[in-house]
């Protein structure tokens, strides 16, 4: 059975035989994985710096909030691109 899907990365419609498929291609899956991995590294590095006493609580929190805001803006821009792609069918 084929499932009608929309790629979580690029917004392109696709069909899949897998009911849990989220990406239209391996490339989109890898882009998503790499972005998630990079974001995790930023948080990990911040945690290690904090635990080693290189940052105080407030600066660590400020850095996390800045990263969160940046990532939310990136996600919103990607969602806008995906919506425009969907409208251009």
Protein backbone atom coordinates (compact mmCIF):
# COMPACT_ATOMS: atom_id res chain seq x y z
CA UNK A 1 0.00 0.00 0.00
CA UNK A 2 1.34 3.44 -0.93
CA UNK A 3 1.04 6.37 1.44
CA UNK A 4 0.68 9.96 0.25
CA UNK A 5 3.25 12.05 2.15
CA UNK A 6 4.90 15.48 2.24
CA UNK A 7 8.65 15.60 2.85
CA UNK A 8 9.48 17.02 6.29
CA UNK A 9 12.64 18.62 4.88
CA UNK A 10 11.81 20.07 1.46
CA UNK A 11 8.01 19.95 1.46
CA UNK A 12 7.84 18.00 -1.79
CA UNK A 13 4.94 15.55 -2.05
CA UNK A 14 5.96 11.88 -2.38
CA UNK A 15 4.58 8.38 -2.12
CA UNK A 16 6.03 5.70 0.09
CA UNK A 17 5.29 2.10 0.87
CA UNK A 18 6.51 2.78 4.43
CA UNK A 19 3.79 4.22 6.68
CA UNK A 20 6.38 6.07 8.81
CA UNK A 21 8.40 7.67 5.97
CA UNK A 22 9.18 11.35 6.61
CA UNK A 23 11.53 12.27 3.74
CA UNK A 24 11.21 12.06 -0.02
CA UNK A 25 14.81 10.99 -0.55
CA UNK A 26 17.94 9.87 1.24
CA UNK A 27 19.40 13.33 0.65
CA UNK A 28 16.57 15.04 2.55
CA UNK A 29 16.91 12.50 5.35
CA UNK A 30 20.64 13.16 5.62
CA UNK A 31 20.15 16.95 5.61
CA UNK A 32 17.68 16.57 8.47
CA UNK A 33 19.98 14.22 10.38
CA UNK A 34 22.99 16.52 9.97
CA UNK A 35 21.04 19.57 11.17
CA UNK A 36 19.84 17.68 14.25
CA UNK A 37 23.35 16.38 14.91
CA UNK A 38 24.85 19.88 14.64
CA UNK A 39 22.28 21.32 17.02
CA UNK A 40 23.01 18.55 19.51
CA UNK A 41 26.74 19.25 19.37
CA UNK A 42 26.14 22.91 20.19
CA UNK A 43 24.15 21.96 23.29
CA UNK A 44 26.67 19.29 24.29
CA UNK A 45 29.61 21.72 24.02
CA UNK A 46 27.72 24.30 26.05
CA UNK A 47 26.95 21.70 28.74
CA UNK A 48 30.60 20.61 28.97
CA UNK A 49 31.81 24.22 29.21
CA UNK A 50 29.29 24.86 31.98
CA UNK A 51 30.25 21.71 33.91
CA UNK A 52 33.94 22.62 33.68
CA UNK A 53 33.21 26.08 35.06
CA UNK A 54 34.03 27.90 31.84
CA UNK A 55 30.62 29.62 31.83
CA UNK A 56 28.31 30.78 34.55
CA UNK A 57 24.63 29.81 34.75
CA UNK A 58 23.35 33.01 33.17
CA UNK A 59 25.70 33.03 30.18
CA UNK A 60 24.98 29.35 29.52
CA UNK A 61 21.24 30.04 29.62
CA UNK A 62 21.61 33.09 27.35
CA UNK A 63 23.57 31.02 24.83
CA UNK A 64 20.90 28.29 24.86
CA UNK A 65 18.12 30.83 24.34
CA UNK A 66 20.01 32.45 21.45
CA UNK A 67 20.55 29.05 19.83
CA UNK A 68 16.88 28.17 20.31
CA UNK A 69 15.74 31.45 18.73
CA UNK A 70 18.10 30.96 15.78
CA UNK A 71 16.90 27.38 15.25
CA UNK A 72 13.23 28.38 15.47
CA UNK A 73 13.83 31.08 12.83
CA UNK A 74 15.60 28.57 10.59
CA UNK A 75 12.70 26.12 11.00
CA UNK A 76 10.14 28.84 10.24
CA UNK A 77 12.02 29.81 7.07
CA UNK A 78 12.15 26.17 5.98
CA UNK A 79 8.40 25.85 6.63
CA UNK A 80 7.76 28.95 4.47
CA UNK A 81 9.85 27.47 1.65
CA UNK A 82 7.95 24.20 1.97
CA UNK A 83 4.60 26.00 1.84
CA UNK A 84 5.63 27.92 -1.29
CA UNK A 85 6.79 24.67 -2.89
CA UNK A 86 3.43 23.08 -2.13
CA UNK A 87 1.53 26.02 -3.66
CA UNK A 88 3.55 25.85 -6.90
CA UNK A 89 2.21 22.38 -7.82
